[in-house]
Amino acid sequence: MLSIRPAKRRDVSQIASLFDGAREFMRSTGNESQWPNCYPTEEDARIDTMRGCQFVCLDGDEIVGCLSLVPGPDTTYLKIEDGDWLNDMPYFVVHRIAAKYQGRGIGSFMMSWACQSADNVRTDTHEKNAPMRGLLESIGFKPCGTVFVEDGTPRIAYHYVRPGSKEKGGFLDWLPWRKSGLTR
C-alpha cells in the first residue's frame, strides 16, 4: 500500500537515486533535456528536506517515489506567456517528482496526494515529457501557457484548482500569512 511522509535526512541519498532513475527514464522516452546531468542533485533533496518541503512515497517500507511540495510564489511562475494561470490565489508548486518504477501508479498517487493537500497547485514540465503531461492532465491539471526555467528553456505551465475551492487553501491554511489574511 502506498503512503507519503515527509522526507528525513537519512532519505536524501535514496532521493538522489530516484532523481538519477527519473533522468534515465526521461532520456529513454525522448526527453533528453529536461533534467540535465547536474539537476536535480542530492543537495537539492537535502535543502528541500531541511525546509520541510521534500516528501517520499513509500510502498510498505520501500521508498518508491519523491516530490517537493513548495509554497509559492515561485519566481519562475511570475511571468507566463501564451496564456494565464487559472487564478491568482496562493498556491503550492510541485517540483522534482520521481518514481522508482513506471506504470505502477506511483506518480499518479503522488500528484493526487499533492492535489488533496493543497487546493491550488502549479507545476511545469518539458513539452517532450509525454508521460508527465498525460499524468497531469489525467488528474485535472490544465495547461495554462509557457514559463521559462532558470536556464531560459521553456516549459508547459500546468495548474490544478480543486473543484469547488475558492479561498480555502488545504495545506495553505497553516501558513502564517494565510491566518493573518495577508495576500500578495
Protein backbone atom coordinates (compact mmCIF):
# COMPACT_ATOMS: atom_id res chain seq x y z
CA MET A 1 0.00 0.00 0.00
CA LEU A 2 1.35 3.41 -0.97
CA SER A 3 1.74 6.21 1.56
CA ILE A 4 3.51 9.55 1.74
CA ARG A 5 5.51 11.06 4.56
CA PRO A 6 7.91 13.98 4.98
CA ALA A 7 11.46 13.08 3.98
CA LYS A 8 14.09 12.59 6.65
CA ARG A 9 17.80 13.33 6.41
CA ARG A 10 18.56 9.63 6.09
CA ASP A 11 16.38 9.51 2.91
CA VAL A 12 18.42 12.05 0.93
CA SER A 13 20.74 9.59 -0.86
CA GLN A 14 17.77 7.43 -1.89
CA ILE A 15 16.02 10.53 -3.21
CA ALA A 16 19.12 11.36 -5.27
CA SER A 17 19.00 7.81 -6.69
CA LEU A 18 15.36 8.39 -7.64
CA PHE A 19 16.43 11.58 -9.46
CA ASP A 20 19.04 9.58 -11.40
CA GLY A 21 16.48 6.92 -12.34
CA ALA A 22 13.95 9.52 -13.46
CA ARG A 23 16.59 11.28 -15.55
CA GLU A 24 17.43 7.97 -17.24
CA PHE A 25 13.72 7.25 -17.86
CA MET A 26 13.24 10.69 -19.42
CA ARG A 27 16.17 10.08 -21.77
CA SER A 28 14.75 6.69 -22.76
CA THR A 29 11.41 8.28 -23.71
CA GLY A 30 12.90 11.03 -25.90
CA ASN A 31 13.11 13.79 -23.30
CA GLU A 32 16.85 14.37 -23.33
CA SER A 33 16.98 17.91 -21.99
CA GLN A 34 14.52 18.38 -19.11
CA TRP A 35 16.86 17.36 -16.31
CA PRO A 36 20.48 17.94 -17.29
CA ASN A 37 23.09 15.80 -15.54
CA CYS A 38 23.65 18.48 -12.92
CA TYR A 39 19.98 18.81 -11.87
CA PRO A 40 18.38 17.88 -9.59
CA THR A 41 21.10 16.97 -7.13
CA GLU A 42 21.43 15.35 -3.75
CA GLU A 43 21.92 18.88 -2.40
CA ASP A 44 18.50 19.90 -3.82
CA ALA A 45 16.97 16.98 -1.91
CA ARG A 46 18.87 17.91 1.25
CA ILE A 47 17.73 21.54 1.09
CA ASP A 48 14.08 20.62 0.44
CA THR A 49 14.21 18.10 3.29
CA MET A 50 15.59 20.71 5.69
CA ARG A 51 12.88 23.17 4.56
CA GLY A 52 10.17 20.56 5.17
CA CYS A 53 9.13 20.54 1.51
CA GLN A 54 10.51 17.12 0.46
CA PHE A 55 8.20 14.12 0.65
CA VAL A 56 8.75 10.44 -0.06
CA CYS A 57 6.28 7.88 -1.32
CA LEU A 58 6.52 4.51 0.38
CA ASP A 59 5.34 1.07 -0.65
CA GLY A 60 5.49 -0.58 2.74
CA ASP A 61 8.97 0.39 3.95
CA GLU A 62 10.49 0.91 0.48
CA ILE A 63 10.93 4.46 -0.82
CA VAL A 64 9.46 4.31 -4.34
CA GLY A 65 8.98 7.99 -5.13
CA CYS A 66 9.61 11.57 -4.11
CA LEU A 67 8.35 15.06 -4.76
CA SER A 68 8.83 18.56 -3.44
CA LEU A 69 5.69 20.47 -2.49
CA VAL A 70 6.80 24.06 -2.08
CA PRO A 71 4.68 27.06 -1.08
CA GLY A 72 4.59 29.77 -3.74
CA PRO A 73 5.16 32.25 -5.07
CA ASP A 74 7.74 30.71 -7.39
CA THR A 75 9.78 33.22 -9.39
CA THR A 76 9.54 31.00 -12.49
CA TYR A 77 5.77 31.47 -12.43
CA LEU A 78 5.70 35.25 -12.11
CA LYS A 79 5.67 35.57 -15.90
CA ILE A 80 3.62 33.26 -18.12
CA GLU A 81 3.41 33.55 -21.90
CA ASP A 82 0.73 32.38 -24.34
CA GLY A 83 -1.86 32.04 -21.60
CA ASP A 84 -2.61 32.75 -17.96
CA TRP A 85 -2.94 30.96 -14.64
CA LEU A 86 -6.42 29.78 -13.63
CA ASN A 87 -6.40 32.15 -10.63
CA ASP A 88 -4.15 34.44 -8.60
CA MET A 89 -4.72 32.72 -5.26
CA PRO A 90 -1.82 31.49 -3.10
CA TYR A 91 -0.55 28.17 -4.40
CA PHE A 92 1.87 25.32 -3.91
CA VAL A 93 4.31 24.09 -6.55
CA VAL A 94 5.26 20.50 -7.27
CA HIS A 95 8.92 20.19 -8.24
CA ARG A 96 11.30 17.28 -8.74
CA ILE A 97 8.84 14.40 -8.80
CA ALA A 98 10.43 11.00 -9.42
CA ALA A 99 9.24 7.39 -9.22
CA LYS A 100 11.36 4.27 -8.89
CA TYR A 101 9.02 2.23 -11.10
CA GLN A 102 6.94 3.33 -14.07
CA GLY A 103 3.45 2.04 -14.84
CA ARG A 104 2.57 1.21 -11.23
CA GLY A 105 0.61 4.37 -10.40
CA ILE A 106 3.27 5.89 -8.14
CA GLY A 107 3.40 9.23 -9.98
CA SER A 108 -0.38 9.39 -10.08
CA PHE A 109 -0.59 8.65 -6.36
CA MET A 110 1.92 11.38 -5.50
CA MET A 111 0.28 14.04 -7.68
CA SER A 112 -3.17 13.13 -6.37
CA TRP A 113 -1.81 13.47 -2.84
CA ALA A 114 -0.46 16.94 -3.68
CA CYS A 115 -3.88 17.94 -5.04
CA GLN A 116 -5.58 16.67 -1.88
CA SER A 117 -3.07 18.54 0.28
CA ALA A 118 -3.48 21.91 -1.44
CA ASP A 119 -6.45 23.33 -3.31
CA ASN A 120 -4.27 25.33 -5.70
CA VAL A 121 -1.23 23.59 -7.25
CA ARG A 122 1.08 24.63 -10.08
CA THR A 123 3.82 22.73 -11.85
CA ASP A 124 5.61 22.66 -15.18
CA THR A 125 7.16 20.11 -17.48
CA HIS A 126 9.04 19.87 -20.75
CA GLU A 127 6.95 19.54 -23.91
CA LYS A 128 8.78 16.25 -24.64
CA ASN A 129 7.77 14.77 -21.27
CA ALA A 130 4.71 12.98 -22.64
CA PRO A 131 4.33 10.63 -19.63
CA MET A 132 4.16 13.55 -17.18
CA ARG A 133 1.90 15.62 -19.41
CA GLY A 134 -0.52 12.70 -19.66
CA LEU A 135 -0.41 12.12 -15.91
CA LEU A 136 -1.06 15.77 -15.10
CA GLU A 137 -3.98 16.08 -17.48
CA SER A 138 -5.49 12.78 -16.31
CA ILE A 139 -5.85 14.08 -12.75
CA GLY A 140 -7.20 17.50 -13.66
CA PHE A 141 -4.23 19.80 -14.26
CA LYS A 142 -4.85 22.30 -17.06
CA PRO A 143 -2.12 23.53 -19.41
CA CYS A 144 -2.04 27.32 -18.99
CA GLY A 145 0.81 28.64 -21.12
CA THR A 146 4.60 28.71 -21.18
CA VAL A 147 7.05 29.55 -18.41
CA PHE A 148 10.82 29.74 -18.66
CA VAL A 149 13.01 27.99 -16.11
CA GLU A 150 16.29 29.34 -14.73
CA ASP A 151 18.37 28.29 -17.77
CA GLY A 152 15.91 30.05 -20.11
CA THR A 153 14.32 26.94 -21.59
CA PRO A 154 10.53 26.80 -22.00
CA ARG A 155 8.20 24.57 -20.00
CA ILE A 156 4.49 23.93 -20.26
CA ALA A 157 2.84 25.51 -17.22
CA TYR A 158 0.13 23.46 -15.52
CA HIS A 159 -2.36 24.49 -12.86
CA TYR A 160 -4.76 22.49 -10.72
CA VAL A 161 -7.60 24.08 -8.76
CA ARG A 162 -9.66 21.72 -6.66
CA PRO A 163 -13.28 21.80 -7.85
CA GLY A 164 -15.44 23.91 -5.55
CA SER A 165 -12.49 25.58 -3.82
CA LYS A 166 -12.34 29.33 -3.51
CA GLU A 167 -10.46 30.88 -0.58
CA LYS A 168 -9.75 27.68 1.34
CA GLY A 169 -6.20 26.56 0.90
CA GLY A 170 -5.86 23.00 2.19
CA PHE A 171 -2.20 22.80 3.11
CA LEU A 172 -2.05 26.59 2.74
CA ASP A 173 -4.18 27.14 5.83
CA TRP A 174 -1.23 26.51 8.15
CA LEU A 175 0.89 29.26 6.61
CA PRO A 176 1.13 32.37 8.84
CA TRP A 177 0.24 34.80 6.06
CA ARG A 178 -2.97 32.81 5.36
CA LYS A 179 -4.06 33.04 9.01
CA SER A 180 -3.50 36.79 9.13
CA GLY A 181 -5.39 37.37 5.89
CA LEU A 182 -2.36 38.85 4.16
CA THR A 183 -2.39 38.45 0.37
CA ARG A 184 0.27 39.12 -2.21
